[in-house]
């Protein structure tokens, strides 16, 4: 490995490399003018079927399964590979230009909600579901929700980047992040040895936040790193992941804004509950 000596002042004079190099830049703000589409429902979601996007569509489908008709939503696909998150319309509702973002148009003044954890908390409070009202139980759920927000960057931008996407394999970087991801899995496994769900006896937004990342990891889906990380050792996490993945609402939520995998698992955009049954080709993402 070639030694690297950082310059006195860092300058952006080359692409960062890797699969997502074209969307990385050291400045914020829009790159082009384009308004966002608006559908018929009060809740407008602009997203992609990544783990962070799946968190929100799973919650929305779970809310609908409970009979909360006000949780009907339009889910618009944002292609981050093409820089759609840098449009003027998108930056207006999410200055951080990340997915997902939601706008609640049910009141006279629309409310923007960005950051996936904030969206989960907003919806849980709005509909009074999947978040305990007892102070101690609510706090425990929020402990694990914010645990995910702080931990997943080590799994995604850390381990995932250097293991799966970086233009070169750097042993130090992979070892560093693999160690941390395995520590995180051990944290989850020990907790789930004590309780069925992260916050205790009940399924909450904490589980919905953690499952798309760590559930996918132990099932060998995320980064296809299961063998490398010996995920079979984390039997309590696997039990929990299987329990959640079997829920009908989770199966639906996982399909929304999905652009990879088997075509039967993809629903490019979701504007009505019937879209899951009538999935015409314009609503299914192309392969690749």
Protein backbone atom coordinates (compact mmCIF):
# COMPACT_ATOMS: atom_id res chain seq x y z
CA UNK A 1 0.00 0.00 0.00
CA UNK A 2 1.37 3.41 -0.96
CA UNK A 3 1.75 5.86 1.92
CA UNK A 4 -0.34 8.98 1.64
CA UNK A 5 0.64 12.31 3.12
CA UNK A 6 -2.35 14.68 3.37
CA UNK A 7 -1.74 18.12 1.84
CA UNK A 8 -1.81 21.16 4.08
CA UNK A 9 -5.16 22.18 2.53
CA UNK A 10 -7.49 19.64 0.93
CA UNK A 11 -8.91 20.56 -2.48
CA UNK A 12 -11.49 18.84 -4.63
CA UNK A 13 -9.58 18.12 -7.83
CA UNK A 14 -10.57 14.55 -8.64
CA UNK A 15 -13.46 12.13 -8.28
CA UNK A 16 -13.53 10.11 -5.09
CA UNK A 17 -13.77 6.85 -7.01
CA UNK A 18 -16.02 3.88 -6.50
CA UNK A 19 -19.56 3.14 -7.54
CA UNK A 20 -21.08 6.32 -6.12
CA UNK A 21 -18.32 8.76 -7.08
CA UNK A 22 -20.59 10.76 -9.37
CA UNK A 23 -22.92 11.76 -6.53
CA UNK A 24 -20.25 12.85 -4.07
CA UNK A 25 -19.20 16.48 -3.87
CA UNK A 26 -18.01 18.80 -1.10
CA UNK A 27 -20.73 21.42 -1.58
CA UNK A 28 -24.49 21.51 -1.00
CA UNK A 29 -27.29 23.11 -2.99
CA UNK A 30 -29.06 22.30 -6.26
CA UNK A 31 -27.34 21.47 -9.52
CA UNK A 32 -30.39 22.00 -11.74
CA UNK A 33 -33.92 23.37 -11.70
CA UNK A 34 -36.71 20.83 -11.54
CA UNK A 35 -39.92 20.75 -9.54
CA UNK A 36 -40.97 17.60 -7.72
CA UNK A 37 -44.18 15.81 -8.74
CA UNK A 38 -47.12 15.82 -6.34
CA UNK A 39 -49.69 13.04 -6.19
CA UNK A 40 -53.20 12.77 -4.80
CA UNK A 41 -52.42 11.79 -1.21
CA UNK A 42 -51.49 14.10 1.68
CA UNK A 43 -48.25 12.16 2.28
CA UNK A 44 -45.71 12.55 -0.50
CA UNK A 45 -42.57 10.41 -0.25
CA UNK A 46 -39.51 10.93 -2.44
CA UNK A 47 -37.20 8.01 -2.02
CA UNK A 48 -35.32 4.96 -3.26
CA UNK A 49 -35.46 1.36 -2.05
CA UNK A 50 -32.23 1.51 -0.06
CA UNK A 51 -32.26 0.51 3.63
CA UNK A 52 -33.02 4.10 4.66
CA UNK A 53 -35.89 4.31 2.19
CA UNK A 54 -37.29 0.92 3.18
CA UNK A 55 -37.64 2.03 6.80
CA UNK A 56 -40.29 4.56 5.82
CA UNK A 57 -42.27 2.48 3.32
CA UNK A 58 -42.41 -0.38 5.82
CA UNK A 59 -43.88 1.95 8.46
CA UNK A 60 -46.39 3.39 6.01
CA UNK A 61 -47.56 -0.07 4.96
CA UNK A 62 -47.77 -1.15 8.61
CA UNK A 63 -49.89 1.91 9.41
CA UNK A 64 -52.21 1.14 6.52
CA UNK A 65 -52.47 -2.47 7.68
CA UNK A 66 -53.77 -1.14 11.02
CA UNK A 67 -56.53 0.72 9.19
CA UNK A 68 -54.99 4.21 9.24
CA UNK A 69 -56.38 5.45 5.92
CA UNK A 70 -54.67 8.80 6.44
CA UNK A 71 -51.36 7.03 5.89
CA UNK A 72 -52.09 6.54 2.18
CA UNK A 73 -49.14 7.89 0.27
CA UNK A 74 -47.49 8.53 -3.05
CA UNK A 75 -43.94 7.19 -3.31
CA UNK A 76 -41.90 8.81 -6.05
CA UNK A 77 -38.63 7.27 -7.19
CA UNK A 78 -35.54 9.45 -6.78
CA UNK A 79 -32.66 8.10 -8.85
CA UNK A 80 -29.60 9.16 -6.87
CA UNK A 81 -27.28 7.73 -9.52
CA UNK A 82 -28.61 10.37 -11.91
CA UNK A 83 -28.40 13.15 -9.33
CA UNK A 84 -32.15 13.68 -8.96
CA UNK A 85 -31.62 14.47 -5.27
CA UNK A 86 -29.84 17.65 -6.34
CA UNK A 87 -32.81 19.20 -8.15
CA UNK A 88 -34.07 22.55 -6.91
CA UNK A 89 -37.36 20.98 -5.84
CA UNK A 90 -35.64 18.28 -3.83
CA UNK A 91 -33.14 20.56 -2.15
CA UNK A 92 -36.00 22.84 -1.13
CA UNK A 93 -37.48 20.10 1.05
CA UNK A 94 -34.21 18.41 2.00
CA UNK A 95 -31.17 20.71 2.04
CA UNK A 96 -29.01 17.65 2.79
CA UNK A 97 -29.91 16.03 -0.58
CA UNK A 98 -30.27 12.52 0.81
CA UNK A 99 -33.14 10.06 0.56
CA UNK A 100 -35.78 9.72 1.85
CA UNK A 101 -37.73 12.91 2.35
CA UNK A 102 -41.45 13.37 2.96
CA UNK A 103 -43.92 16.22 2.72
CA UNK A 104 -47.14 16.11 4.73
CA UNK A 105 -49.73 18.17 2.89
CA UNK A 106 -52.65 17.34 5.19
CA UNK A 107 -52.55 20.78 6.84
CA UNK A 108 -52.83 24.27 5.36
CA UNK A 109 -49.05 24.64 5.48
CA UNK A 110 -47.12 21.62 4.17
CA UNK A 111 -44.56 20.14 6.55
CA UNK A 112 -41.26 18.79 5.26
CA UNK A 113 -39.64 15.91 7.11
CA UNK A 114 -36.12 14.79 6.21
CA UNK A 115 -33.80 12.19 7.75
CA UNK A 116 -35.33 8.72 7.97
CA UNK A 117 -35.37 8.62 11.78
CA UNK A 118 -37.23 11.91 11.90
CA UNK A 119 -39.80 10.60 9.40
CA UNK A 120 -40.37 7.45 11.47
CA UNK A 121 -40.84 9.46 14.65
CA UNK A 122 -43.14 11.96 12.93
CA UNK A 123 -45.41 9.27 11.49
CA UNK A 124 -45.49 7.23 14.70
CA UNK A 125 -46.58 10.30 16.65
CA UNK A 126 -49.01 11.47 13.98
CA UNK A 127 -50.87 8.15 13.93
CA UNK A 128 -50.22 7.05 17.50
CA UNK A 129 -48.77 3.69 16.54
CA UNK A 130 -45.55 1.67 16.86
CA UNK A 131 -44.19 3.92 19.59
CA UNK A 132 -45.11 3.26 23.22
CA UNK A 133 -46.74 6.03 25.24
CA UNK A 134 -45.29 4.90 28.57
CA UNK A 135 -42.23 7.06 29.26
CA UNK A 136 -39.81 4.23 29.99
CA UNK A 137 -40.95 2.08 27.05
CA UNK A 138 -40.98 5.07 24.69
CA UNK A 139 -37.46 6.02 25.73
CA UNK A 140 -36.22 2.48 25.16
CA UNK A 141 -37.67 2.51 21.64
CA UNK A 142 -36.02 5.85 20.94
CA UNK A 143 -32.73 4.56 22.37
CA UNK A 144 -32.62 1.91 19.66
CA UNK A 145 -33.92 4.22 16.94
CA UNK A 146 -31.07 6.64 17.58
CA UNK A 147 -28.65 3.74 18.02
CA UNK A 148 -29.37 2.86 14.42
CA UNK A 149 -28.93 6.42 13.21
CA UNK A 150 -25.50 6.57 14.83
CA UNK A 151 -24.37 3.03 14.04
CA UNK A 152 -25.44 2.41 10.44
CA UNK A 153 -22.94 4.88 8.90
CA UNK A 154 -20.18 2.53 10.09
CA UNK A 155 -21.98 -0.32 8.33
CA UNK A 156 -22.89 1.57 5.15
CA UNK A 157 -20.43 4.33 4.44
CA UNK A 158 -17.70 2.51 6.35
CA UNK A 159 -17.74 -1.25 5.88
CA UNK A 160 -20.05 -1.31 2.86
CA UNK A 161 -18.04 1.25 0.97
CA UNK A 162 -14.62 -0.25 1.50
CA UNK A 163 -15.75 -3.89 1.22
CA UNK A 164 -18.07 -3.59 -1.78
CA UNK A 165 -17.71 -0.28 -3.61
CA UNK A 166 -14.26 1.27 -3.19
CA UNK A 167 -12.08 1.18 -6.35
CA UNK A 168 -9.36 -0.61 -4.38
CA UNK A 169 -9.34 -3.01 -1.43
CA UNK A 170 -7.66 -1.44 1.58
CA UNK A 171 -7.00 -4.05 4.28
CA UNK A 172 -6.78 -1.56 7.13
CA UNK A 173 -10.10 0.09 6.23
CA UNK A 174 -11.96 -3.21 5.77
CA UNK A 175 -10.56 -4.63 9.01
CA UNK A 176 -11.40 -1.48 10.92
CA UNK A 177 -15.03 -1.39 9.85
CA UNK A 178 -15.57 -5.16 9.90
CA UNK A 179 -14.55 -5.13 13.56
CA UNK A 180 -17.05 -2.38 14.35
CA UNK A 181 -19.89 -4.02 12.41
CA UNK A 182 -19.32 -7.30 14.25
CA UNK A 183 -19.37 -5.42 17.55
CA UNK A 184 -22.70 -3.86 16.54
CA UNK A 185 -24.12 -7.26 15.64
CA UNK A 186 -23.04 -8.53 19.04
CA UNK A 187 -24.82 -5.60 20.70
CA UNK A 188 -28.02 -6.52 18.85
CA UNK A 189 -27.63 -10.24 19.47
CA UNK A 190 -27.23 -9.78 23.21
CA UNK A 191 -30.25 -7.49 23.36
CA UNK A 192 -32.41 -9.85 21.30
CA UNK A 193 -31.48 -12.75 23.55
CA UNK A 194 -33.44 -10.93 26.26
CA UNK A 195 -36.48 -9.64 24.36
CA UNK A 196 -38.38 -10.44 21.14
CA UNK A 197 -38.01 -6.92 19.75
CA UNK A 198 -35.45 -4.20 20.34
CA UNK A 199 -37.62 -2.05 22.60
CA UNK A 200 -39.01 -5.03 24.49
CA UNK A 201 -42.15 -7.13 23.91
CA UNK A 202 -43.63 -4.94 21.17
CA UNK A 203 -42.67 -4.29 17.55
CA UNK A 204 -41.84 -0.58 17.13
CA UNK A 205 -40.24 1.94 14.80
CA UNK A 206 -36.91 0.91 16.32
CA UNK A 207 -37.22 -2.50 14.65
CA UNK A 208 -38.32 -0.88 11.40
CA UNK A 209 -35.23 1.33 11.44
CA UNK A 210 -32.72 -1.42 12.25
CA UNK A 211 -34.15 -4.30 10.19
CA UNK A 212 -33.42 -2.98 6.66
CA UNK A 213 -29.74 -2.64 7.57
CA UNK A 214 -28.87 -5.39 10.03
CA UNK A 215 -31.65 -7.81 9.10
CA UNK A 216 -30.51 -7.71 5.49
CA UNK A 217 -26.91 -8.15 6.62
CA UNK A 218 -27.49 -11.33 8.63
CA UNK A 219 -29.65 -12.78 5.85
CA UNK A 220 -26.75 -12.43 3.44
CA UNK A 221 -28.41 -9.77 1.28
CA UNK A 222 -26.58 -6.58 2.18
CA UNK A 223 -23.18 -6.40 0.45
CA UNK A 224 -23.25 -10.24 0.22
CA UNK A 225 -20.91 -10.19 3.20
CA UNK A 226 -22.58 -12.84 5.33
CA UNK A 227 -19.80 -15.40 5.14
CA UNK A 228 -17.08 -12.78 5.54
CA UNK A 229 -18.68 -11.48 8.76
CA UNK A 230 -19.73 -14.94 10.04
CA UNK A 231 -23.29 -13.69 10.48
CA UNK A 232 -24.57 -17.19 11.27
CA UNK A 233 -23.10 -16.67 14.74
CA UNK A 234 -25.75 -14.05 15.56
CA UNK A 235 -28.69 -16.41 15.99
CA UNK A 236 -30.89 -14.02 17.92
CA UNK A 237 -30.56 -11.37 15.23
CA UNK A 238 -31.42 -13.95 12.58
CA UNK A 239 -34.53 -15.03 14.53
CA UNK A 240 -35.62 -11.40 14.82
CA UNK A 241 -34.89 -10.68 11.14
CA UNK A 242 -36.94 -13.68 10.01
CA UNK A 243 -39.85 -12.66 12.24
CA UNK A 244 -39.98 -9.17 10.76
CA UNK A 245 -39.41 -10.19 7.14
CA UNK A 246 -42.45 -12.48 7.33
CA UNK A 247 -44.85 -9.62 8.04
CA UNK A 248 -47.09 -8.85 5.01
CA UNK A 249 -46.68 -5.08 5.41
CA UNK A 250 -42.89 -5.46 5.52
CA UNK A 251 -42.96 -7.48 2.31
CA UNK A 252 -44.92 -4.71 0.62
CA UNK A 253 -42.80 -1.90 2.04
CA UNK A 254 -39.62 -3.57 0.85
CA UNK A 255 -40.88 -3.55 -2.74
CA UNK A 256 -41.59 0.18 -2.97
CA UNK A 257 -39.05 2.28 -4.94
CA UNK A 258 -36.93 -0.86 -5.36
CA UNK A 259 -34.78 -0.88 -8.51
CA UNK A 260 -32.75 -4.07 -8.16
CA UNK A 261 -33.26 -7.80 -7.69
CA UNK A 262 -35.96 -9.93 -9.24
CA UNK A 263 -38.53 -7.88 -11.20
CA UNK A 264 -41.28 -9.49 -9.12
CA UNK A 265 -39.78 -7.85 -6.02
CA UNK A 266 -39.84 -4.34 -7.48
CA UNK A 267 -42.45 -1.60 -7.48
CA UNK A 268 -40.86 1.48 -9.03
CA UNK A 269 -43.47 3.90 -7.69
CA UNK A 270 -46.45 3.45 -5.44
CA UNK A 271 -49.51 5.69 -5.74
CA UNK A 272 -52.29 3.38 -4.62
CA UNK A 273 -52.60 0.14 -2.67
CA UNK A 274 -53.77 -1.57 -5.85
CA UNK A 275 -50.34 -0.98 -7.42
CA UNK A 276 -49.06 -4.10 -5.66
CA UNK A 277 -51.61 -6.18 -7.57
CA UNK A 278 -51.73 -4.42 -10.94
CA UNK A 279 -48.00 -3.78 -11.25
CA UNK A 280 -47.88 -2.61 -14.84
CA UNK A 281 -44.51 -2.33 -16.53
CA UNK A 282 -44.31 1.44 -16.11
CA UNK A 283 -44.37 0.88 -12.35
CA UNK A 284 -41.71 -1.81 -12.34
CA UNK A 285 -38.08 -0.74 -12.43
CA UNK A 286 -36.03 -2.07 -15.34
CA UNK A 287 -33.45 -4.70 -14.52
CA UNK A 288 -29.88 -3.64 -13.95
